[in-house]
């Protein structure tokens, strides 16, 4: 009798874990998680600079869902990301519904809220880099040329686009001036995002084409990690270059730098996809939590 109960409990536990895994996989592989990260890193700008009633974080969230799923579809169509192919087409109906919801949400934000449509102008260069990250800009003797295929450009194009969208977009949409401090903030984000991307390049060091020449491919994993650590120190140092800085902001930067450093140092090509795809991708989420905590307690 006891054995039977244990067997039932074990089966129930396994079923629950399998169901939970399906939810987590959909959350990550449908790009909802990276969209939430985009929301958080944009919301940080909104909070830091006192922007009222900004819809830009939500705009970024829904835009990422649409753009990243489009990029995923294109990569699968061109026989990349083969590990994701089966999952992607098994959930194509759910993904279509998700993207339709995101499109409707974007239309609602753009035309039926106080959103400043002129703010979209600042997105043009960053959207260009995002769109042509995998979509070929042109073809040269049957070779597709995109930002992703330019040697060593991949990491910088992603970091540049994310930093620009998360810093300049909410500022410009709110009709604020881009000051020296805001420009420094952009450089800090750019450097931090490069470090966040390095664990992904380390994970893919064996599967990425040699022509990409990512940092781990060119310099090795250990040197890439050291460069990342130096960049983290650089982001903290830049905080002291601002015209206005607060102790709480410096503490936040130090904590985020430490969290990022830990994830970077323990990253390897043998880590599961969840390590970079979930935990490392969550750094902007941890960051927003810290900002909210410090703003609530020290303002």
Protein backbone atom coordinates (compact mmCIF):
# COMPACT_ATOMS: atom_id res chain seq x y z
CA UNK A 1 0.00 0.00 0.00
CA UNK A 2 2.81 2.42 0.95
CA UNK A 3 4.72 1.50 -2.19
CA UNK A 4 1.65 2.24 -4.31
CA UNK A 5 1.19 5.66 -2.67
CA UNK A 6 4.85 6.50 -3.20
CA UNK A 7 4.54 5.45 -6.83
CA UNK A 8 1.50 7.72 -7.31
CA UNK A 9 3.26 10.63 -5.59
CA UNK A 10 6.35 10.11 -7.74
CA UNK A 11 4.30 10.07 -10.94
CA UNK A 12 2.41 13.18 -9.84
CA UNK A 13 5.67 14.97 -9.03
CA UNK A 14 7.16 14.01 -12.41
CA UNK A 15 4.02 15.20 -14.24
CA UNK A 16 4.06 18.50 -12.36
CA UNK A 17 7.74 19.05 -13.10
CA UNK A 18 7.22 18.25 -16.78
CA UNK A 19 4.32 20.72 -16.91
CA UNK A 20 6.44 23.36 -15.17
CA UNK A 21 9.29 22.74 -17.61
CA UNK A 22 6.92 23.27 -20.54
CA UNK A 23 5.83 26.61 -19.09
CA UNK A 24 9.43 27.71 -18.45
CA UNK A 25 10.51 26.59 -21.95
CA UNK A 26 7.69 28.56 -23.56
CA UNK A 27 8.51 31.60 -21.41
CA UNK A 28 12.16 31.49 -22.52
CA UNK A 29 11.99 30.18 -26.09
CA UNK A 30 9.06 32.40 -27.11
CA UNK A 31 11.24 35.40 -26.13
CA UNK A 32 8.92 36.56 -23.36
CA UNK A 33 11.84 36.45 -20.91
CA UNK A 34 14.13 38.60 -23.04
CA UNK A 35 11.18 40.98 -23.58
CA UNK A 36 10.71 41.27 -19.81
CA UNK A 37 14.45 42.03 -19.52
CA UNK A 38 14.00 44.75 -22.15
CA UNK A 39 11.07 46.17 -20.21
CA UNK A 40 13.13 46.24 -17.00
CA UNK A 41 16.22 47.91 -18.43
CA UNK A 42 14.02 50.59 -20.04
CA UNK A 43 11.96 51.07 -16.87
CA UNK A 44 15.23 51.74 -15.01
CA UNK A 45 15.75 54.82 -17.19
CA UNK A 46 12.16 55.93 -16.60
CA UNK A 47 12.61 55.70 -12.83
CA UNK A 48 16.12 57.18 -12.67
CA UNK A 49 15.18 60.30 -14.62
CA UNK A 50 11.74 60.81 -13.11
CA UNK A 51 9.77 60.33 -16.33
CA UNK A 52 6.03 60.33 -15.64
CA UNK A 53 3.49 58.00 -17.29
CA UNK A 54 5.89 56.55 -19.83
CA UNK A 55 4.67 53.73 -22.06
CA UNK A 56 8.13 53.14 -23.55
CA UNK A 57 8.98 50.10 -21.36
CA UNK A 58 5.79 48.36 -22.52
CA UNK A 59 6.48 49.43 -26.10
CA UNK A 60 9.95 47.85 -25.85
CA UNK A 61 8.52 44.66 -24.31
CA UNK A 62 6.00 44.02 -27.09
CA UNK A 63 8.44 45.12 -29.81
CA UNK A 64 11.01 42.58 -28.61
CA UNK A 65 8.45 39.76 -28.68
CA UNK A 66 7.62 40.56 -32.31
CA UNK A 67 11.14 41.30 -33.56
CA UNK A 68 12.92 38.45 -31.79
CA UNK A 69 10.35 35.86 -32.89
CA UNK A 70 10.67 37.16 -36.44
CA UNK A 71 14.45 36.82 -36.19
CA UNK A 72 14.06 33.30 -34.77
CA UNK A 73 11.75 32.33 -37.64
CA UNK A 74 14.22 33.68 -40.20
CA UNK A 75 17.13 31.84 -38.58
CA UNK A 76 15.17 28.57 -38.59
CA UNK A 77 14.17 29.14 -42.20
CA UNK A 78 17.85 29.49 -43.11
CA UNK A 79 18.73 26.29 -41.20
CA UNK A 80 20.18 27.98 -38.12
CA UNK A 81 19.18 27.22 -34.53
CA UNK A 82 18.35 23.64 -35.48
CA UNK A 83 18.15 22.72 -31.78
CA UNK A 84 15.06 24.95 -31.52
CA UNK A 85 13.33 23.88 -34.74
CA UNK A 86 11.14 21.08 -33.36
CA UNK A 87 10.00 23.13 -30.37
CA UNK A 88 9.29 26.21 -32.49
CA UNK A 89 7.02 24.44 -34.97
CA UNK A 90 5.28 22.41 -32.25
CA UNK A 91 4.19 25.71 -30.68
CA UNK A 92 3.59 27.73 -33.85
CA UNK A 93 -0.09 28.37 -33.03
CA UNK A 94 0.73 29.67 -29.54
CA UNK A 95 3.53 31.81 -30.98
CA UNK A 96 1.20 33.28 -33.61
CA UNK A 97 -1.34 34.16 -30.90
CA UNK A 98 1.40 35.69 -28.73
CA UNK A 99 2.63 37.86 -31.58
CA UNK A 100 -0.89 38.97 -32.54
CA UNK A 101 -1.44 40.06 -28.93
CA UNK A 102 1.88 41.96 -29.03
CA UNK A 103 0.93 43.70 -32.29
CA UNK A 104 -2.48 44.74 -30.92
CA UNK A 105 -0.78 46.02 -27.74
CA UNK A 106 1.69 48.09 -29.79
CA UNK A 107 -1.13 49.63 -31.83
CA UNK A 108 -2.99 50.43 -28.61
CA UNK A 109 0.06 52.05 -27.00
CA UNK A 110 0.96 54.03 -30.12
CA UNK A 111 -2.45 55.45 -31.04
CA UNK A 112 -4.63 55.26 -27.94
CA UNK A 113 -2.40 56.49 -25.11
CA UNK A 114 -0.36 59.60 -24.34
CA UNK A 115 2.60 58.00 -26.14
CA UNK A 116 4.63 60.53 -28.15
CA UNK A 117 4.76 59.07 -31.67
CA UNK A 118 7.67 61.36 -32.58
CA UNK A 119 9.69 59.40 -30.03
CA UNK A 120 9.87 56.57 -32.55
CA UNK A 121 12.35 58.59 -34.61
CA UNK A 122 15.14 57.87 -32.13
CA UNK A 123 14.56 54.15 -32.67
CA UNK A 124 15.45 54.22 -36.38
CA UNK A 125 19.22 53.51 -36.10
CA UNK A 126 18.77 50.96 -33.31
CA UNK A 127 15.85 49.22 -35.06
CA UNK A 128 17.96 49.11 -38.22
CA UNK A 129 20.73 47.28 -36.38
CA UNK A 130 18.25 44.89 -34.73
CA UNK A 131 16.43 44.08 -37.99
CA UNK A 132 19.62 43.56 -39.98
CA UNK A 133 21.24 41.56 -37.19
CA UNK A 134 20.36 38.38 -39.11
CA UNK A 135 18.39 39.69 -42.12
CA UNK A 136 20.93 40.25 -44.93
CA UNK A 137 21.64 43.86 -45.85
CA UNK A 138 22.81 42.62 -49.25
CA UNK A 139 24.20 39.50 -50.91
CA UNK A 140 27.71 39.13 -52.25
CA UNK A 141 28.25 36.10 -54.49
CA UNK A 142 25.45 34.16 -52.76
CA UNK A 143 26.83 35.11 -49.34
CA UNK A 144 24.35 36.93 -47.09
CA UNK A 145 25.85 40.00 -45.43
CA UNK A 146 24.28 41.01 -42.10
CA UNK A 147 25.57 42.55 -38.88
CA UNK A 148 25.69 39.05 -37.41
CA UNK A 149 28.05 37.89 -40.14
CA UNK A 150 30.55 40.73 -39.86
CA UNK A 151 33.56 39.46 -37.89
CA UNK A 152 33.47 40.60 -34.24
CA UNK A 153 30.57 43.00 -34.90
CA UNK A 154 27.81 40.80 -33.44
CA UNK A 155 28.37 41.60 -29.75
CA UNK A 156 28.76 45.35 -30.33
CA UNK A 157 25.68 45.67 -32.56
CA UNK A 158 23.46 43.96 -29.96
CA UNK A 159 24.85 45.99 -27.06
CA UNK A 160 24.61 49.25 -29.02
CA UNK A 161 20.97 48.64 -30.00
CA UNK A 162 19.87 47.62 -26.49
CA UNK A 163 21.73 50.51 -24.82
CA UNK A 164 20.30 53.05 -27.24
CA UNK A 165 16.74 51.80 -27.00
CA UNK A 166 16.77 51.52 -23.20
CA UNK A 167 18.38 54.93 -22.57
CA UNK A 168 17.66 57.32 -25.44
CA UNK A 169 14.18 56.09 -26.38
CA UNK A 170 12.37 56.91 -23.09
CA UNK A 171 14.31 60.19 -22.76
CA UNK A 172 13.48 61.33 -26.30
CA UNK A 173 9.85 60.16 -26.06
CA UNK A 174 9.48 62.25 -22.88
CA UNK A 175 10.87 65.29 -24.79
CA UNK A 176 13.84 65.58 -22.44
CA UNK A 177 17.29 66.78 -23.46
CA UNK A 178 20.08 64.22 -23.79
CA UNK A 179 22.55 65.57 -21.25
CA UNK A 180 26.16 64.62 -20.54
CA UNK A 181 25.02 62.35 -17.68
CA UNK A 182 22.54 60.56 -19.93
CA UNK A 183 25.25 60.01 -22.53
CA UNK A 184 27.48 58.53 -19.79
CA UNK A 185 24.56 56.29 -18.81
CA UNK A 186 24.40 55.08 -22.41
CA UNK A 187 28.12 54.20 -22.39
CA UNK A 188 27.67 52.37 -19.06
CA UNK A 189 24.76 50.34 -20.46
CA UNK A 190 26.72 49.60 -23.63
CA UNK A 191 29.69 48.26 -21.63
CA UNK A 192 27.49 46.27 -19.23
CA UNK A 193 25.50 44.71 -22.08
CA UNK A 194 28.72 43.58 -23.78
CA UNK A 195 29.61 41.74 -20.56
CA UNK A 196 26.12 40.21 -20.35
CA UNK A 197 26.43 38.94 -23.95
CA UNK A 198 29.84 37.29 -23.38
CA UNK A 199 28.35 34.23 -21.54
CA UNK A 200 26.12 33.63 -24.59
CA UNK A 201 29.15 33.74 -26.88
CA UNK A 202 31.00 31.39 -24.52
CA UNK A 203 28.03 29.00 -24.58
CA UNK A 204 27.97 29.06 -28.40
CA UNK A 205 31.74 29.06 -28.92
CA UNK A 206 31.65 25.61 -30.52
CA UNK A 207 28.41 25.99 -32.49
CA UNK A 208 28.98 29.51 -33.85
CA UNK A 209 30.54 29.78 -37.28
CA UNK A 210 34.27 30.53 -37.17
CA UNK A 211 33.61 33.49 -39.47
CA UNK A 212 31.74 35.29 -36.66
CA UNK A 213 35.00 35.71 -34.73
CA UNK A 214 33.30 36.29 -31.38
CA UNK A 215 35.46 37.33 -28.43
CA UNK A 216 35.78 33.76 -27.05
CA UNK A 217 36.66 32.48 -30.52
CA UNK A 218 39.34 35.11 -31.15
CA UNK A 219 40.76 35.67 -27.66
CA UNK A 220 39.74 32.54 -25.79
CA UNK A 221 37.26 32.09 -22.97
CA UNK A 222 39.58 33.13 -20.12
CA UNK A 223 40.72 36.36 -21.79
CA UNK A 224 37.11 37.19 -22.70
CA UNK A 225 36.16 36.85 -19.03
CA UNK A 226 39.02 39.13 -17.99
CA UNK A 227 37.92 41.74 -20.53
CA UNK A 228 34.42 41.48 -19.11
CA UNK A 229 35.71 42.09 -15.58
CA UNK A 230 37.64 45.17 -16.74
CA UNK A 231 34.51 46.52 -18.47
CA UNK A 232 32.53 46.08 -15.25
CA UNK A 233 35.09 48.15 -13.35
CA UNK A 234 34.88 50.68 -16.17
CA UNK A 235 31.08 51.01 -15.78
CA UNK A 236 31.45 51.67 -12.04
CA UNK A 237 34.21 54.22 -12.64
CA UNK A 238 32.07 56.10 -15.16
CA UNK A 239 29.50 56.78 -12.44
CA UNK A 240 32.02 59.14 -10.82
CA UNK A 241 32.28 61.08 -14.09
CA UNK A 242 28.65 62.21 -13.97
CA UNK A 243 27.77 65.74 -13.02
CA UNK A 244 25.24 64.39 -10.52
CA UNK A 245 25.69 61.10 -8.74
CA UNK A 246 24.27 59.55 -5.61
CA UNK A 247 25.62 56.97 -3.18
CA UNK A 248 22.60 54.71 -3.75
CA UNK A 249 23.23 54.67 -7.52
CA UNK A 250 26.87 53.72 -7.02
CA UNK A 251 25.86 50.91 -4.64
CA UNK A 252 23.41 49.60 -7.24
CA UNK A 253 26.10 49.63 -9.93
CA UNK A 254 28.52 47.77 -7.64
CA UNK A 255 25.93 45.10 -6.80
CA UNK A 256 24.93 44.61 -10.45
CA UNK A 257 28.60 44.47 -11.46
CA UNK A 258 29.24 41.76 -8.83
CA UNK A 259 26.21 39.71 -9.94
CA UNK A 260 27.26 40.01 -13.59
CA UNK A 261 30.87 39.14 -12.72
CA UNK A 262 29.76 35.94 -10.95
CA UNK A 263 27.64 34.82 -13.90
CA UNK A 264 30.44 35.69 -16.31
CA UNK A 265 33.17 33.89 -14.39
CA UNK A 266 31.19 30.66 -14.03
CA UNK A 267 29.96 30.60 -17.63
CA UNK A 268 31.28 27.85 -19.92
CA UNK A 269 30.49 26.12 -23.18
CA UNK A 270 29.14 23.17 -21.18
CA UNK A 271 26.48 25.10 -19.25
CA UNK A 272 22.84 24.36 -20.09
CA UNK A 273 20.88 26.82 -22.22
CA UNK A 274 18.98 27.89 -19.12
CA UNK A 275 22.15 29.33 -17.57
CA UNK A 276 22.54 32.10 -20.12
CA UNK A 277 19.00 32.05 -21.53
CA UNK A 278 17.33 32.51 -18.15
CA UNK A 279 19.73 33.43 -15.34
CA UNK A 280 22.12 35.73 -17.22
CA UNK A 281 19.23 37.22 -19.20
CA UNK A 282 17.60 38.07 -15.85
CA UNK A 283 20.30 40.61 -14.87
CA UNK A 284 18.13 43.61 -15.94
CA UNK A 285 15.34 42.17 -13.76
CA UNK A 286 17.64 42.00 -10.71
CA UNK A 287 18.76 45.53 -11.56
CA UNK A 288 15.22 46.94 -11.65
CA UNK A 289 14.41 45.27 -8.31
CA UNK A 290 17.46 46.97 -6.78
CA UNK A 291 16.50 50.35 -8.25
CA UNK A 292 12.95 50.08 -6.90
CA UNK A 293 14.24 49.00 -3.47
CA UNK A 294 16.78 51.82 -3.16
CA UNK A 295 14.40 54.43 -4.56
CA UNK A 296 11.70 53.42 -2.06
CA UNK A 297 14.05 53.32 0.92
CA UNK A 298 16.57 56.09 0.27
CA UNK A 299 14.58 58.77 -1.51
